C-alpha atoms as a PDB file:
ATOM      1  CA  UNK A   1     -51.133  65.598  36.078  1.00  0.00           C
ATOM      2  CA  UNK A   2     -51.110  63.516  32.882  1.00  0.00           C
ATOM      3  CA  UNK A   3     -52.094  60.067  31.700  1.00  0.00           C
ATOM      4  CA  UNK A   4     -49.621  57.840  29.826  1.00  0.00           C
ATOM      5  CA  UNK A   5     -50.931  55.125  27.489  1.00  0.00           C
ATOM      6  CA  UNK A   6     -48.668  52.524  25.870  1.00  0.00           C
ATOM      7  CA  UNK A   7     -49.349  50.057  23.080  1.00  0.00           C
ATOM      8  CA  UNK A   8     -46.393  47.730  22.627  1.00  0.00           C
ATOM      9  CA  UNK A   9     -45.712  44.982  20.161  1.00  0.00           C
ATOM     10  CA  UNK A  10     -42.413  43.142  19.957  1.00  0.00           C
ATOM     11  CA  UNK A  11     -41.069  45.468  17.240  1.00  0.00           C
ATOM     12  CA  UNK A  12     -42.195  48.922  18.366  1.00  0.00           C
ATOM     13  CA  UNK A  13     -44.048  50.634  21.184  1.00  0.00           C
ATOM     14  CA  UNK A  14     -46.243  53.705  20.865  1.00  0.00           C
ATOM     15  CA  UNK A  15     -46.617  55.907  23.936  1.00  0.00           C
ATOM     16  CA  UNK A  16     -49.090  58.765  24.250  1.00  0.00           C
ATOM     17  CA  UNK A  17     -49.218  61.385  26.984  1.00  0.00           C
ATOM     18  CA  UNK A  18     -52.751  62.677  27.488  1.00  0.00           C
ATOM     19  CA  UNK A  19     -52.858  65.964  29.404  1.00  0.00           C
ATOM     20  CA  UNK A  20     -56.342  67.389  29.211  1.00  0.00           C
ATOM     21  CA  UNK A  21     -57.006  67.970  25.515  1.00  0.00           C
ATOM     22  CA  UNK A  22     -53.301  67.856  24.645  1.00  0.00           C
ATOM     23  CA  UNK A  23     -51.593  64.687  23.456  1.00  0.00           C
ATOM     24  CA  UNK A  24     -47.975  63.843  22.695  1.00  0.00           C
ATOM     25  CA  UNK A  25     -46.868  60.625  21.018  1.00  0.00           C
ATOM     26  CA  UNK A  26     -43.485  58.956  21.295  1.00  0.00           C
ATOM     27  CA  UNK A  27     -42.251  55.789  19.593  1.00  0.00           C
ATOM     28  CA  UNK A  28     -39.666  53.460  21.096  1.00  0.00           C
ATOM     29  CA  UNK A  29     -38.354  49.984  20.422  1.00  0.00           C
ATOM     30  CA  UNK A  30     -40.907  47.272  21.209  1.00  0.00           C
ATOM     31  CA  UNK A  31     -40.913  45.662  24.636  1.00  0.00           C
ATOM     32  CA  UNK A  32     -41.304  41.894  24.744  1.00  0.00           C
ATOM     33  CA  UNK A  33     -40.866  40.343  28.206  1.00  0.00           C
ATOM     34  CA  UNK A  34     -39.976  37.094  26.459  1.00  0.00           C
ATOM     35  CA  UNK A  35     -36.850  38.703  25.011  1.00  0.00           C
ATOM     36  CA  UNK A  36     -36.029  41.388  27.613  1.00  0.00           C
ATOM     37  CA  UNK A  37     -35.638  41.109  31.384  1.00  0.00           C
ATOM     38  CA  UNK A  38     -36.768  43.719  33.906  1.00  0.00           C
ATOM     39  CA  UNK A  39     -33.488  45.649  33.964  1.00  0.00           C
ATOM     40  CA  UNK A  40     -33.376  45.754  30.158  1.00  0.00           C
ATOM     41  CA  UNK A  41     -36.968  47.036  29.993  1.00  0.00           C
ATOM     42  CA  UNK A  42     -36.167  49.744  32.547  1.00  0.00           C
ATOM     43  CA  UNK A  43     -33.032  50.747  30.627  1.00  0.00           C
ATOM     44  CA  UNK A  44     -34.941  50.920  27.325  1.00  0.00           C
ATOM     45  CA  UNK A  45     -37.636  53.157  28.825  1.00  0.00           C
ATOM     46  CA  UNK A  46     -35.065  55.464  30.403  1.00  0.00           C
ATOM     47  CA  UNK A  47     -33.025  55.701  27.214  1.00  0.00           C
ATOM     48  CA  UNK A  48     -35.774  56.053  24.602  1.00  0.00           C
ATOM     49  CA  UNK A  49     -38.762  57.546  26.436  1.00  0.00           C
ATOM     50  CA  UNK A  50     -38.005  59.516  29.598  1.00  0.00           C
ATOM     51  CA  UNK A  51     -35.959  62.231  27.895  1.00  0.00           C
ATOM     52  CA  UNK A  52     -38.913  63.010  25.618  1.00  0.00           C
ATOM     53  CA  UNK A  53     -41.311  63.508  28.525  1.00  0.00           C
ATOM     54  CA  UNK A  54     -39.620  66.499  30.156  1.00  0.00           C
ATOM     55  CA  UNK A  55     -41.762  68.685  32.430  1.00  0.00           C
ATOM     56  CA  UNK A  56     -44.577  66.138  32.369  1.00  0.00           C
ATOM     57  CA  UNK A  57     -45.901  64.670  35.620  1.00  0.00           C
ATOM     58  CA  UNK A  58     -47.397  61.229  34.962  1.00  0.00           C
ATOM     59  CA  UNK A  59     -50.234  60.365  37.332  1.00  0.00           C
ATOM     60  CA  UNK A  60     -51.441  57.075  35.822  1.00  0.00           C
ATOM     61  CA  UNK A  61     -50.134  54.602  33.221  1.00  0.00           C
ATOM     62  CA  UNK A  62     -52.145  52.179  31.099  1.00  0.00           C
ATOM     63  CA  UNK A  63     -49.674  49.822  29.449  1.00  0.00           C
ATOM     64  CA  UNK A  64     -50.842  47.221  26.916  1.00  0.00           C
ATOM     65  CA  UNK A  65     -48.103  44.933  25.690  1.00  0.00           C
ATOM     66  CA  UNK A  66     -47.210  41.730  23.939  1.00  0.00           C
ATOM     67  CA  UNK A  67     -46.495  38.842  26.295  1.00  0.00           C
ATOM     68  CA  UNK A  68     -48.352  40.482  29.183  1.00  0.00           C
ATOM     69  CA  UNK A  69     -51.093  37.901  29.434  1.00  0.00           C
ATOM     70  CA  UNK A  70     -48.537  35.858  31.369  1.00  0.00           C
ATOM     71  CA  UNK A  71     -48.789  36.968  35.063  1.00  0.00           C
ATOM     72  CA  UNK A  72     -45.036  36.794  35.616  1.00  0.00           C
ATOM     73  CA  UNK A  73     -44.343  38.916  32.540  1.00  0.00           C
ATOM     74  CA  UNK A  74     -47.019  41.390  33.569  1.00  0.00           C
ATOM     75  CA  UNK A  75     -45.459  41.678  37.027  1.00  0.00           C
ATOM     76  CA  UNK A  76     -41.987  42.195  35.540  1.00  0.00           C
ATOM     77  CA  UNK A  77     -43.135  44.963  33.196  1.00  0.00           C
ATOM     78  CA  UNK A  78     -45.067  46.698  35.980  1.00  0.00           C
ATOM     79  CA  UNK A  79     -42.042  46.574  38.273  1.00  0.00           C
ATOM     80  CA  UNK A  80     -39.807  48.058  35.551  1.00  0.00           C
ATOM     81  CA  UNK A  81     -42.292  50.873  34.924  1.00  0.00           C
ATOM     82  CA  UNK A  82     -42.629  51.530  38.648  1.00  0.00           C
ATOM     83  CA  UNK A  83     -38.879  52.005  38.974  1.00  0.00           C
ATOM     84  CA  UNK A  84     -38.994  54.718  36.318  1.00  0.00           C
ATOM     85  CA  UNK A  85     -42.330  56.370  37.163  1.00  0.00           C
ATOM     86  CA  UNK A  86     -42.187  56.103  40.940  1.00  0.00           C
ATOM     87  CA  UNK A  87     -45.250  58.259  41.680  1.00  0.00           C
ATOM     88  CA  UNK A  88     -47.610  56.884  39.050  1.00  0.00           C
ATOM     89  CA  UNK A  89     -50.418  54.362  39.406  1.00  0.00           C
ATOM     90  CA  UNK A  90     -49.576  51.621  36.916  1.00  0.00           C
ATOM     91  CA  UNK A  91     -51.931  49.262  35.077  1.00  0.00           C
ATOM     92  CA  UNK A  92     -50.444  46.538  32.886  1.00  0.00           C
ATOM     93  CA  UNK A  93     -52.509  44.364  30.558  1.00  0.00           C
ATOM     94  CA  UNK A  94     -51.797  42.391  27.406  1.00  0.00           C
ATOM     95  CA  UNK A  95     -51.854  43.874  23.925  1.00  0.00           C
ATOM     96  CA  UNK A  96     -55.006  42.026  22.925  1.00  0.00           C
ATOM     97  CA  UNK A  97     -56.968  43.834  25.631  1.00  0.00           C
ATOM     98  CA  UNK A  98     -55.659  47.149  24.327  1.00  0.00           C
ATOM     99  CA  UNK A  99     -56.558  46.194  20.773  1.00  0.00           C
ATOM    100  CA  UNK A 100     -60.110  45.241  21.797  1.00  0.00           C
ATOM    101  CA  UNK A 101     -60.691  48.505  23.678  1.00  0.00           C
ATOM    102  CA  UNK A 102     -59.151  50.549  20.886  1.00  0.00           C
ATOM    103  CA  UNK A 103     -61.150  48.807  18.157  1.00  0.00           C
ATOM    104  CA  UNK A 104     -64.495  48.230  19.845  1.00  0.00           C
ATOM    105  CA  UNK A 105     -64.743  50.784  22.651  1.00  0.00           C
ATOM    106  CA  UNK A 106     -67.840  49.742  24.614  1.00  0.00           C
ATOM    107  CA  UNK A 107     -69.372  47.558  21.883  1.00  0.00           C
ATOM    108  CA  UNK A 108     -69.173  43.801  21.299  1.00  0.00           C
ATOM    109  CA  UNK A 109     -66.915  42.420  18.611  1.00  0.00           C
ATOM    110  CA  UNK A 110     -64.144  40.051  17.593  1.00  0.00           C
ATOM    111  CA  UNK A 111     -60.816  41.859  17.941  1.00  0.00           C
ATOM    112  CA  UNK A 112     -57.722  40.613  16.104  1.00  0.00           C
ATOM    113  CA  UNK A 113     -54.084  41.647  16.029  1.00  0.00           C
ATOM    114  CA  UNK A 114     -52.056  41.116  12.870  1.00  0.00           C
ATOM    115  CA  UNK A 115     -48.664  42.700  13.331  1.00  0.00           C
ATOM    116  CA  UNK A 116     -45.297  41.071  13.941  1.00  0.00           C
ATOM    117  CA  UNK A 117     -47.324  38.432  15.807  1.00  0.00           C
ATOM    118  CA  UNK A 118     -51.020  37.553  15.785  1.00  0.00           C
ATOM    119  CA  UNK A 119     -53.852  36.861  18.225  1.00  0.00           C
ATOM    120  CA  UNK A 120     -57.634  37.112  18.430  1.00  0.00           C
ATOM    121  CA  UNK A 121     -60.402  37.533  20.976  1.00  0.00           C
ATOM    122  CA  UNK A 122     -64.102  38.066  21.567  1.00  0.00           C
ATOM    123  CA  UNK A 123     -64.786  41.276  23.484  1.00  0.00           C
ATOM    124  CA  UNK A 124     -68.156  41.758  25.210  1.00  0.00           C
ATOM    125  CA  UNK A 125     -68.026  45.555  25.332  1.00  0.00           C
ATOM    126  CA  UNK A 126     -66.100  45.813  28.580  1.00  0.00           C
ATOM    127  CA  UNK A 127     -63.620  42.934  28.666  1.00  0.00           C
ATOM    128  CA  UNK A 128     -62.275  39.979  26.726  1.00  0.00           C
ATOM    129  CA  UNK A 129     -64.193  36.808  27.521  1.00  0.00           C
ATOM    130  CA  UNK A 130     -62.659  34.466  24.930  1.00  0.00           C
ATOM    131  CA  UNK A 131     -59.302  34.509  23.217  1.00  0.00           C
ATOM    132  CA  UNK A 132     -56.977  32.533  21.025  1.00  0.00           C
ATOM    133  CA  UNK A 133     -53.325  33.419  21.371  1.00  0.00           C
ATOM    134  CA  UNK A 134     -50.905  33.088  18.494  1.00  0.00           C
ATOM    135  CA  UNK A 135     -48.510  30.580  20.167  1.00  0.00           C
ATOM    136  CA  UNK A 136     -45.522  32.624  18.999  1.00  0.00           C
ATOM    137  CA  UNK A 137     -43.621  32.670  15.728  1.00  0.00           C
ATOM    138  CA  UNK A 138     -42.421  29.045  15.988  1.00  0.00           C
ATOM    139  CA  UNK A 139     -45.722  27.273  16.733  1.00  0.00           C
ATOM    140  CA  UNK A 140     -48.256  29.707  15.336  1.00  0.00           C
ATOM    141  CA  UNK A 141     -48.790  33.426  14.740  1.00  0.00           C
ATOM    142  CA  UNK A 142     -50.733  32.624  11.582  1.00  0.00           C
ATOM    143  CA  UNK A 143     -51.251  35.655   9.354  1.00  0.00           C
ATOM    144  CA  UNK A 144     -48.639  37.730  11.170  1.00  0.00           C
ATOM    145  CA  UNK A 145     -45.668  39.544   9.710  1.00  0.00           C
ATOM    146  CA  UNK A 146     -43.365  36.824  11.036  1.00  0.00           C
ATOM    147  CA  UNK A 147     -45.579  34.109   9.524  1.00  0.00           C
ATOM    148  CA  UNK A 148     -45.805  35.792   6.119  1.00  0.00           C
ATOM    149  CA  UNK A 149     -42.121  36.711   6.163  1.00  0.00           C
ATOM    150  CA  UNK A 150     -41.195  33.119   6.955  1.00  0.00           C
ATOM    151  CA  UNK A 151     -43.090  32.013   3.866  1.00  0.00           C
ATOM    152  CA  UNK A 152     -41.261  34.579   1.747  1.00  0.00           C
ATOM    153  CA  UNK A 153     -37.932  33.202   2.973  1.00  0.00           C
ATOM    154  CA  UNK A 154     -39.095  29.630   2.339  1.00  0.00           C
ATOM    155  CA  UNK A 155     -40.170  30.441  -1.223  1.00  0.00           C
ATOM    156  CA  UNK A 156     -36.764  31.968  -1.893  1.00  0.00           C
ATOM    157  CA  UNK A 157     -34.607  29.300  -0.239  1.00  0.00           C
ATOM    158  CA  UNK A 158     -36.617  26.416  -1.727  1.00  0.00           C
ATOM    159  CA  UNK A 159     -36.271  27.956  -5.193  1.00  0.00           C
ATOM    160  CA  UNK A 160     -40.034  28.335  -5.563  1.00  0.00           C
ATOM    161  CA  UNK A 161     -39.896  31.952  -6.727  1.00  0.00           C
ATOM    162  CA  UNK A 162     -39.672  32.444 -10.473  1.00  0.00           C
ATOM    163  CA  UNK A 163     -36.596  34.241 -11.860  1.00  0.00           C
ATOM    164  CA  UNK A 164     -38.259  37.640 -11.701  1.00  0.00           C
ATOM    165  CA  UNK A 165     -39.117  37.389  -7.993  1.00  0.00           C
ATOM    166  CA  UNK A 166     -35.783  35.765  -7.183  1.00  0.00           C
ATOM    167  CA  UNK A 167     -33.993  38.726  -8.776  1.00  0.00           C
ATOM    168  CA  UNK A 168     -36.186  41.246  -6.929  1.00  0.00           C
ATOM    169  CA  UNK A 169     -35.594  39.463  -3.612  1.00  0.00           C
ATOM    170  CA  UNK A 170     -31.820  39.432  -4.042  1.00  0.00           C
ATOM    171  CA  UNK A 171     -31.829  43.042  -5.236  1.00  0.00           C
ATOM    172  CA  UNK A 172     -33.726  44.171  -2.153  1.00  0.00           C
ATOM    173  CA  UNK A 173     -32.215  42.088   0.634  1.00  0.00           C
ATOM    174  CA  UNK A 174     -28.802  41.028  -0.634  1.00  0.00           C
ATOM    175  CA  UNK A 175     -28.335  38.372   2.042  1.00  0.00           C
ATOM    176  CA  UNK A 176     -26.992  34.856   1.716  1.00  0.00           C
ATOM    177  CA  UNK A 177     -28.708  31.665   2.802  1.00  0.00           C
ATOM    178  CA  UNK A 178     -26.148  31.321   5.593  1.00  0.00           C
ATOM    179  CA  UNK A 179     -26.932  34.840   6.863  1.00  0.00           C
ATOM    180  CA  UNK A 180     -30.655  34.163   6.879  1.00  0.00           C
ATOM    181  CA  UNK A 181     -30.347  30.869   8.721  1.00  0.00           C
ATOM    182  CA  UNK A 182     -27.981  32.400  11.271  1.00  0.00           C
ATOM    183  CA  UNK A 183     -30.387  35.256  11.975  1.00  0.00           C
ATOM    184  CA  UNK A 184     -33.360  32.919  12.291  1.00  0.00           C
ATOM    185  CA  UNK A 185     -31.749  30.280  14.505  1.00  0.00           C
ATOM    186  CA  UNK A 186     -29.138  32.284  16.390  1.00  0.00           C
ATOM    187  CA  UNK A 187     -30.285  35.888  16.102  1.00  0.00           C
ATOM    188  CA  UNK A 188     -31.461  38.007  19.016  1.00  0.00           C
ATOM    189  CA  UNK A 189     -34.971  38.748  17.689  1.00  0.00           C
ATOM    190  CA  UNK A 190     -35.817  36.110  15.045  1.00  0.00           C
ATOM    191  CA  UNK A 191     -39.509  37.038  14.952  1.00  0.00           C
ATOM    192  CA  UNK A 192     -38.686  40.623  14.018  1.00  0.00           C
ATOM    193  CA  UNK A 193     -36.148  39.391  11.474  1.00  0.00           C
ATOM    194  CA  UNK A 194     -38.682  37.150   9.748  1.00  0.00           C
ATOM    195  CA  UNK A 195     -41.320  39.905   9.827  1.00  0.00           C
ATOM    196  CA  UNK A 196     -38.911  42.237   8.013  1.00  0.00           C
ATOM    197  CA  UNK A 197     -39.340  40.108   4.866  1.00  0.00           C
ATOM    198  CA  UNK A 198     -43.112  40.703   4.773  1.00  0.00           C
ATOM    199  CA  UNK A 199     -42.487  44.093   3.159  1.00  0.00           C
ATOM    200  CA  UNK A 200     -41.482  42.156   0.018  1.00  0.00           C
ATOM    201  CA  UNK A 201     -45.099  41.083  -0.300  1.00  0.00           C
ATOM    202  CA  UNK A 202     -46.426  44.639  -0.095  1.00  0.00           C
ATOM    203  CA  UNK A 203     -43.931  45.818  -2.714  1.00  0.00           C
ATOM    204  CA  UNK A 204     -44.751  43.083  -5.223  1.00  0.00           C
ATOM    205  CA  UNK A 205     -48.546  42.917  -5.182  1.00  0.00           C
ATOM    206  CA  UNK A 206     -50.145  41.506  -8.308  1.00  0.00           C
ATOM    207  CA  UNK A 207     -47.722  38.633  -8.875  1.00  0.00           C
ATOM    208  CA  UNK A 208     -49.629  35.368  -8.402  1.00  0.00           C
ATOM    209  CA  UNK A 209     -47.014  33.867  -6.068  1.00  0.00           C
ATOM    210  CA  UNK A 210     -47.099  36.953  -3.853  1.00  0.00           C
ATOM    211  CA  UNK A 211     -50.895  36.953  -3.758  1.00  0.00           C
ATOM    212  CA  UNK A 212     -50.872  33.240  -2.885  1.00  0.00           C
ATOM    213  CA  UNK A 213     -48.581  33.812   0.105  1.00  0.00           C
ATOM    214  CA  UNK A 214     -50.730  36.678   1.378  1.00  0.00           C
ATOM    215  CA  UNK A 215     -54.075  34.940   0.870  1.00  0.00           C
ATOM    216  CA  UNK A 216     -52.933  31.583   2.261  1.00  0.00           C
ATOM    217  CA  UNK A 217     -51.303  33.167   5.309  1.00  0.00           C
ATOM    218  CA  UNK A 218     -54.311  35.318   6.171  1.00  0.00           C
ATOM    219  CA  UNK A 219     -56.734  32.472   5.491  1.00  0.00           C
ATOM    220  CA  UNK A 220     -54.776  30.347   7.978  1.00  0.00           C
ATOM    221  CA  UNK A 221     -55.529  33.039  10.569  1.00  0.00           C
ATOM    222  CA  UNK A 222     -59.228  33.064   9.718  1.00  0.00           C
ATOM    223  CA  UNK A 223     -59.452  29.259   9.846  1.00  0.00           C
ATOM    224  CA  UNK A 224     -57.446  28.659  13.033  1.00  0.00           C
ATOM    225  CA  UNK A 225     -58.670  31.678  14.982  1.00  0.00           C
ATOM    226  CA  UNK A 226     -61.716  33.635  13.850  1.00  0.00           C
ATOM    227  CA  UNK A 227     -63.701  30.556  12.835  1.00  0.00           C
ATOM    228  CA  UNK A 228     -63.232  29.073  16.318  1.00  0.00           C
ATOM    229  CA  UNK A 229     -65.451  31.774  17.864  1.00  0.00           C
ATOM    230  CA  UNK A 230     -69.169  31.047  17.466  1.00  0.00           C
ATOM    231  CA  UNK A 231     -69.668  34.797  17.966  1.00  0.00           C
ATOM    232  CA  UNK A 232     -67.849  35.545  14.712  1.00  0.00           C
ATOM    233  CA  UNK A 233     -71.031  35.058  12.682  1.00  0.00           C
ATOM    234  CA  UNK A 234     -73.048  37.488  14.830  1.00  0.00           C
ATOM    235  CA  UNK A 235     -70.573  40.298  15.557  1.00  0.00           C
ATOM    236  CA  UNK A 236     -68.242  42.535  13.532  1.00  0.00           C
ATOM    237  CA  UNK A 237     -64.684  41.310  12.949  1.00  0.00           C
ATOM    238  CA  UNK A 238     -62.129  44.017  13.747  1.00  0.00           C
ATOM    239  CA  UNK A 239     -58.408  44.129  13.005  1.00  0.00           C
ATOM    240  CA  UNK A 240     -55.422  46.152  14.125  1.00  0.00           C
ATOM    241  CA  UNK A 241     -51.759  46.006  13.118  1.00  0.00           C
ATOM    242  CA  UNK A 242     -49.457  46.785  10.221  1.00  0.00           C
ATOM    243  CA  UNK A 243     -50.208  43.536   8.379  1.00  0.00           C
ATOM    244  CA  UNK A 244     -53.976  43.937   8.741  1.00  0.00           C
ATOM    245  CA  UNK A 245     -53.817  47.541   7.565  1.00  0.00           C
ATOM    246  CA  UNK A 246     -51.450  46.796   4.696  1.00  0.00           C
ATOM    247  CA  UNK A 247     -53.510  43.904   3.321  1.00  0.00           C
ATOM    248  CA  UNK A 248     -56.992  45.118   4.239  1.00  0.00           C
ATOM    249  CA  UNK A 249     -58.268  44.354   0.734  1.00  0.00           C
ATOM    250  CA  UNK A 250     -57.505  40.645   1.226  1.00  0.00           C
ATOM    251  CA  UNK A 251     -58.981  40.670   4.731  1.00  0.00           C
ATOM    252  CA  UNK A 252     -62.165  42.288   3.424  1.00  0.00           C
ATOM    253  CA  UNK A 253     -62.480  39.634   0.724  1.00  0.00           C
ATOM    254  CA  UNK A 254     -61.945  36.843   3.260  1.00  0.00           C
ATOM    255  CA  UNK A 255     -64.632  38.311   5.529  1.00  0.00           C
ATOM    256  CA  UNK A 256     -67.052  38.269   2.605  1.00  0.00           C
ATOM    257  CA  UNK A 257     -66.170  34.688   1.693  1.00  0.00           C
ATOM    258  CA  UNK A 258     -66.689  33.507   5.286  1.00  0.00           C
ATOM    259  CA  UNK A 259     -69.881  35.596   5.516  1.00  0.00           C
ATOM    260  CA  UNK A 260     -68.530  37.694   8.398  1.00  0.00           C
ATOM    261  CA  UNK A 261     -69.433  41.313   9.087  1.00  0.00           C
ATOM    262  CA  UNK A 262     -66.402  43.516   8.419  1.00  0.00           C
ATOM    263  CA  UNK A 263     -65.631  45.880  11.299  1.00  0.00           C
ATOM    264  CA  UNK A 264     -62.745  48.322  11.747  1.00  0.00           C
ATOM    265  CA  UNK A 265     -59.254  47.842  10.312  1.00  0.00           C
ATOM    266  CA  UNK A 266     -56.728  50.133  12.013  1.00  0.00           C
ATOM    267  CA  UNK A 267     -52.969  50.402  11.788  1.00  0.00           C
ATOM    268  CA  UNK A 268     -52.779  50.858  15.575  1.00  0.00           C
ATOM    269  CA  UNK A 269     -55.306  51.149  18.415  1.00  0.00           C
ATOM    270  CA  UNK A 270     -53.949  54.317  20.045  1.00  0.00           C
ATOM    271  CA  UNK A 271     -56.667  56.746  18.885  1.00  0.00           C
ATOM    272  CA  UNK A 272     -59.297  54.379  20.258  1.00  0.00           C
ATOM    273  CA  UNK A 273     -57.405  53.920  23.525  1.00  0.00           C
ATOM    274  CA  UNK A 274     -57.091  57.681  23.992  1.00  0.00           C
ATOM    275  CA  UNK A 275     -60.849  58.025  23.554  1.00  0.00           C
ATOM    276  CA  UNK A 276     -61.522  55.044  25.844  1.00  0.00           C
ATOM    277  CA  UNK A 277     -59.338  56.241  28.727  1.00  0.00           C
ATOM    278  CA  UNK A 278     -60.295  59.910  28.399  1.00  0.00           C
ATOM    279  CA  UNK A 279     -63.938  59.240  29.261  1.00  0.00           C
END
């Protein structure tokens, strides 16, 4: 009998089957209960995951996902999983809890997610006791891929980029203003769409405008989130997510400037979650 662990953002979900000392990882499209209903979640799991888990009997599932702090969303995701894995015991929690366990294990620390979205928490070694959610890509998500990508789009559409960056942007994306606005305001997953422009920052490091967008966006996260925890000055600050991992040099510098202790910076929390749940 095996254990199944899931870490899901809104863009992608990583699943890991733990069977004794053996592990198998599978990636699927992200599951956001704000964008998908129960039937759609069930269909996604059946289409992208089940076929890759042949001859595996799942005894227990630990699912950590975006949007699952909301009790109704948590219930919907659990129900969808139960319909697929009818014999398994299912535990559903939000992605921030998974990030904290994966980053900190059984030690205290501030745990932050910087991926497509963003959020932060203070973890006491066994559970989250304080948190600041990102409010989503419209009202918040400071420092996230969607937040940084939105600034890239703004710089381009407002004509702020110099000619060199304007040319590079058009060469890479080749989309019109009308296409961008349609995708943002009428598209199916606008947060993912905006986050897709954050790669432009990673590919053009060194240009002062690019560095300004990165530093300002990440500093907004520090100011609005990390600085609101009094524990931040007495515990390590840990990060997980593609944005955190990709711009860890800037995050390290910001930690020094705020006089915080730098903790772990991981691309994803799965290795830590495997260790945590295998105890």
